[in-house]
C-alpha cells in the first residue's frame, strides 16, 4: 500500500513537470478557487513558473491568472 502511494506521488510529480506552455490540463481540485476554475473542465496552459509550480491559464471569468499546478491533471503535452 505504501508503494502505491509512492508511485502515485512520483507520477504526479512527473506530470507536473510536463505541465508546460501549450499543454492541456483538467481541473481536479478548486479549493479556494471556486470562482475561477471548475472541476472537470480543461484549460490550456499559457505559461508556467517552474520554481513556484504555477501555471497561467484563462479562468472561467475570462481572466488570465496564475494558479498552482497541484489543482490540475495533465491531459496532453505540448
N, C-alpha and C. Protein backbone atom coordinates (compact mmCIF):
# COMPACT_ATOMS: atom_id res chain seq x y z
N UNK A 1 0.82 -1.17 0.00
CA UNK A 1 0.00 0.00 0.00
C UNK A 1 0.88 1.26 0.00
N UNK A 2 1.94 1.27 0.80
CA UNK A 2 2.84 2.40 0.85
C UNK A 2 3.52 2.59 -0.52
N UNK A 3 3.82 1.49 -1.19
CA UNK A 3 4.43 1.55 -2.51
C UNK A 3 3.50 2.22 -3.51
N UNK A 4 2.20 1.97 -3.37
CA UNK A 4 1.22 2.60 -4.26
C UNK A 4 1.19 4.11 -4.05
N UNK A 5 1.27 4.54 -2.82
CA UNK A 5 1.29 5.98 -2.51
C UNK A 5 2.53 6.62 -3.11
N UNK A 6 3.68 5.96 -2.95
CA UNK A 6 4.92 6.49 -3.51
C UNK A 6 4.86 6.55 -5.03
N UNK A 7 4.31 5.53 -5.66
CA UNK A 7 4.20 5.50 -7.12
C UNK A 7 3.27 6.62 -7.61
N UNK A 8 2.18 6.85 -6.88
CA UNK A 8 1.24 7.91 -7.25
C UNK A 8 1.91 9.28 -7.14
N UNK A 9 2.66 9.50 -6.07
CA UNK A 9 3.38 10.76 -5.89
C UNK A 9 4.39 10.98 -7.02
N UNK A 10 5.09 9.91 -7.38
CA UNK A 10 6.08 10.00 -8.45
C UNK A 10 5.42 10.37 -9.77
N UNK A 11 4.30 9.72 -10.10
CA UNK A 11 3.58 10.02 -11.34
C UNK A 11 3.08 11.47 -11.34
N UNK A 12 2.58 11.91 -10.20
CA UNK A 12 2.07 13.28 -10.06
C UNK A 12 3.19 14.29 -10.31
N UNK A 13 4.35 14.05 -9.72
CA UNK A 13 5.49 14.95 -9.88
C UNK A 13 5.95 14.97 -11.35
N UNK A 14 6.00 13.81 -11.97
CA UNK A 14 6.40 13.73 -13.38
C UNK A 14 5.41 14.48 -14.26
N UNK A 15 4.11 14.33 -13.98
CA UNK A 15 3.09 15.03 -14.76
C UNK A 15 3.18 16.54 -14.56
N UNK A 16 3.48 16.99 -13.36
CA UNK A 16 3.61 18.42 -13.11
C UNK A 16 4.78 19.00 -13.88
N UNK A 17 5.84 18.23 -14.05
CA UNK A 17 6.99 18.69 -14.83
C UNK A 17 6.63 18.83 -16.31
N UNK A 18 5.65 18.06 -16.77
CA UNK A 18 5.21 18.13 -18.16
C UNK A 18 4.17 19.22 -18.40
N UNK A 19 3.71 19.87 -17.33
CA UNK A 19 2.73 20.95 -17.45
C UNK A 19 3.45 22.23 -17.88
N UNK A 20 3.66 22.34 -19.17
CA UNK A 20 4.37 23.48 -19.73
C UNK A 20 3.47 24.21 -20.72
N UNK A 21 3.94 25.34 -21.20
CA UNK A 21 3.19 26.15 -22.15
C UNK A 21 2.68 25.30 -23.31
N UNK A 22 1.38 25.39 -23.57
CA UNK A 22 0.77 24.66 -24.67
C UNK A 22 0.11 23.35 -24.28
N UNK A 23 0.41 22.85 -23.09
CA UNK A 23 -0.20 21.61 -22.63
C UNK A 23 -1.65 21.87 -22.21
N UNK A 24 -2.43 20.79 -22.20
CA UNK A 24 -3.83 20.89 -21.77
C UNK A 24 -3.97 20.13 -20.45
N UNK A 25 -4.64 20.77 -19.49
CA UNK A 25 -4.85 20.18 -18.17
C UNK A 25 -6.33 20.18 -17.84
N UNK A 26 -6.71 19.31 -16.91
CA UNK A 26 -8.08 19.26 -16.44
C UNK A 26 -8.07 19.59 -14.95
N UNK A 27 -9.02 20.40 -14.53
CA UNK A 27 -9.11 20.79 -13.13
C UNK A 27 -9.58 19.61 -12.30
N UNK A 28 -8.81 19.27 -11.29
CA UNK A 28 -9.19 18.17 -10.41
C UNK A 28 -9.53 18.66 -9.01
N UNK A 29 -9.27 19.95 -8.73
CA UNK A 29 -9.49 20.49 -7.39
C UNK A 29 -9.61 22.01 -7.49
N UNK A 30 -10.64 22.58 -6.89
CA UNK A 30 -10.78 24.04 -6.95
C UNK A 30 -10.81 24.65 -5.55
N UNK A 31 -10.15 24.01 -4.61
CA UNK A 31 -10.08 24.54 -3.26
C UNK A 31 -9.59 25.99 -3.30
N UNK A 32 -10.34 26.88 -2.75
CA UNK A 32 -10.06 28.30 -2.68
C UNK A 32 -10.05 28.98 -4.06
N UNK A 33 -10.46 28.28 -5.09
CA UNK A 33 -10.50 28.87 -6.42
C UNK A 33 -11.87 28.63 -7.08
N UNK A 34 -12.91 28.52 -6.28
CA UNK A 34 -14.23 28.15 -6.77
C UNK A 34 -14.78 29.10 -7.82
N UNK A 35 -14.46 30.36 -7.76
CA UNK A 35 -14.97 31.32 -8.74
C UNK A 35 -14.08 31.42 -9.97
N UNK A 36 -12.96 30.69 -9.97
CA UNK A 36 -12.01 30.81 -11.06
C UNK A 36 -11.94 29.59 -11.97
N UNK A 37 -12.00 28.40 -11.38
CA UNK A 37 -11.89 27.16 -12.17
C UNK A 37 -12.98 26.18 -11.77
N UNK A 38 -13.32 25.29 -12.70
CA UNK A 38 -14.38 24.31 -12.48
C UNK A 38 -13.81 22.90 -12.57
N UNK A 39 -14.02 22.06 -11.55
CA UNK A 39 -13.55 20.67 -11.63
C UNK A 39 -14.11 19.98 -12.87
N UNK A 40 -13.25 19.25 -13.56
CA UNK A 40 -13.66 18.55 -14.77
C UNK A 40 -13.51 19.35 -16.06
N UNK A 41 -13.25 20.63 -15.96
CA UNK A 41 -13.08 21.47 -17.14
C UNK A 41 -11.60 21.48 -17.55
N UNK A 42 -11.36 21.55 -18.86
CA UNK A 42 -9.99 21.58 -19.36
C UNK A 42 -9.54 23.01 -19.62
N UNK A 43 -8.24 23.22 -19.48
CA UNK A 43 -7.63 24.53 -19.65
C UNK A 43 -6.32 24.39 -20.41
N UNK A 44 -6.01 25.37 -21.24
CA UNK A 44 -4.76 25.43 -21.97
C UNK A 44 -3.76 26.22 -21.14
N UNK A 45 -2.56 25.69 -20.98
CA UNK A 45 -1.53 26.39 -20.23
C UNK A 45 -0.90 27.45 -21.13
N UNK A 46 -0.94 28.69 -20.68
CA UNK A 46 -0.38 29.81 -21.42
C UNK A 46 1.09 30.04 -21.07
N UNK A 47 1.47 29.70 -19.85
CA UNK A 47 2.83 29.89 -19.37
C UNK A 47 2.99 29.13 -18.07
N UNK A 48 4.22 29.01 -17.57
CA UNK A 48 4.45 28.33 -16.30
C UNK A 48 5.52 29.02 -15.50
N UNK A 49 5.47 28.84 -14.19
CA UNK A 49 6.51 29.25 -13.26
C UNK A 49 7.04 27.98 -12.63
N UNK A 50 8.18 27.48 -13.12
CA UNK A 50 8.70 26.19 -12.65
C UNK A 50 9.02 26.20 -11.16
N UNK A 51 9.66 27.26 -10.69
CA UNK A 51 10.09 27.31 -9.30
C UNK A 51 8.90 27.32 -8.34
N UNK A 52 7.84 28.03 -8.70
CA UNK A 52 6.68 28.14 -7.82
C UNK A 52 5.61 27.08 -8.10
N UNK A 53 5.83 26.26 -9.12
CA UNK A 53 4.88 25.22 -9.53
C UNK A 53 3.50 25.80 -9.85
N UNK A 54 3.49 26.92 -10.58
CA UNK A 54 2.26 27.57 -11.01
C UNK A 54 2.14 27.53 -12.52
N UNK A 55 0.90 27.58 -13.00
CA UNK A 55 0.63 27.72 -14.42
C UNK A 55 -0.26 28.93 -14.63
N UNK A 56 -0.20 29.50 -15.82
CA UNK A 56 -1.06 30.63 -16.17
C UNK A 56 -2.09 30.13 -17.16
N UNK A 57 -3.36 30.39 -16.86
CA UNK A 57 -4.48 29.97 -17.70
C UNK A 57 -5.49 31.10 -17.81
N UNK A 58 -6.40 30.96 -18.76
CA UNK A 58 -7.59 31.81 -18.79
C UNK A 58 -8.64 31.11 -17.96
N UNK A 59 -9.10 31.78 -16.89
CA UNK A 59 -10.05 31.14 -15.99
C UNK A 59 -11.48 31.24 -16.50
N UNK A 60 -12.43 30.78 -15.69
CA UNK A 60 -13.85 30.74 -16.09
C UNK A 60 -14.46 32.12 -16.26
N UNK A 61 -13.81 33.14 -15.70
CA UNK A 61 -14.31 34.51 -15.82
C UNK A 61 -13.69 35.24 -17.01
N UNK A 62 -12.80 34.54 -17.74
CA UNK A 62 -12.13 35.17 -18.87
C UNK A 62 -10.89 35.95 -18.49
N UNK A 63 -10.44 35.80 -17.25
CA UNK A 63 -9.24 36.48 -16.79
C UNK A 63 -8.05 35.54 -16.86
N UNK A 64 -6.87 36.10 -17.09
CA UNK A 64 -5.65 35.32 -17.09
C UNK A 64 -5.09 35.33 -15.68
N UNK A 65 -4.89 34.13 -15.12
CA UNK A 65 -4.45 34.00 -13.72
C UNK A 65 -3.30 33.00 -13.60
N UNK A 66 -2.55 33.15 -12.53
CA UNK A 66 -1.57 32.14 -12.11
C UNK A 66 -2.25 31.27 -11.06
N UNK A 67 -2.08 29.97 -11.16
CA UNK A 67 -2.74 29.04 -10.25
C UNK A 67 -1.83 27.82 -10.04
N UNK A 68 -1.87 27.19 -8.87
CA UNK A 68 -0.99 26.05 -8.60
C UNK A 68 -1.25 24.85 -9.52
N UNK A 69 -0.17 24.23 -9.96
CA UNK A 69 -0.27 23.03 -10.79
C UNK A 69 -0.98 21.89 -10.05
N UNK A 70 -0.89 21.90 -8.73
CA UNK A 70 -1.48 20.83 -7.92
C UNK A 70 -2.98 20.70 -8.09
N UNK A 71 -3.64 21.71 -8.63
CA UNK A 71 -5.08 21.67 -8.83
C UNK A 71 -5.49 21.00 -10.14
N UNK A 72 -4.50 20.51 -10.90
CA UNK A 72 -4.77 20.00 -12.24
C UNK A 72 -4.11 18.66 -12.50
N UNK A 73 -4.66 17.97 -13.49
CA UNK A 73 -4.08 16.73 -14.01
C UNK A 73 -3.73 16.98 -15.47
N UNK A 74 -2.64 16.43 -15.94
CA UNK A 74 -2.20 16.59 -17.32
C UNK A 74 -3.07 15.76 -18.26
N UNK A 75 -3.56 16.39 -19.33
CA UNK A 75 -4.36 15.70 -20.33
C UNK A 75 -3.49 15.40 -21.56
N UNK A 76 -2.83 16.45 -22.08
CA UNK A 76 -1.95 16.26 -23.23
C UNK A 76 -0.77 17.21 -23.13
N UNK A 77 0.38 16.72 -23.57
CA UNK A 77 1.61 17.52 -23.55
C UNK A 77 1.68 18.39 -24.80
N UNK A 78 2.64 19.31 -24.76
CA UNK A 78 2.85 20.17 -25.93
C UNK A 78 3.53 19.42 -27.04
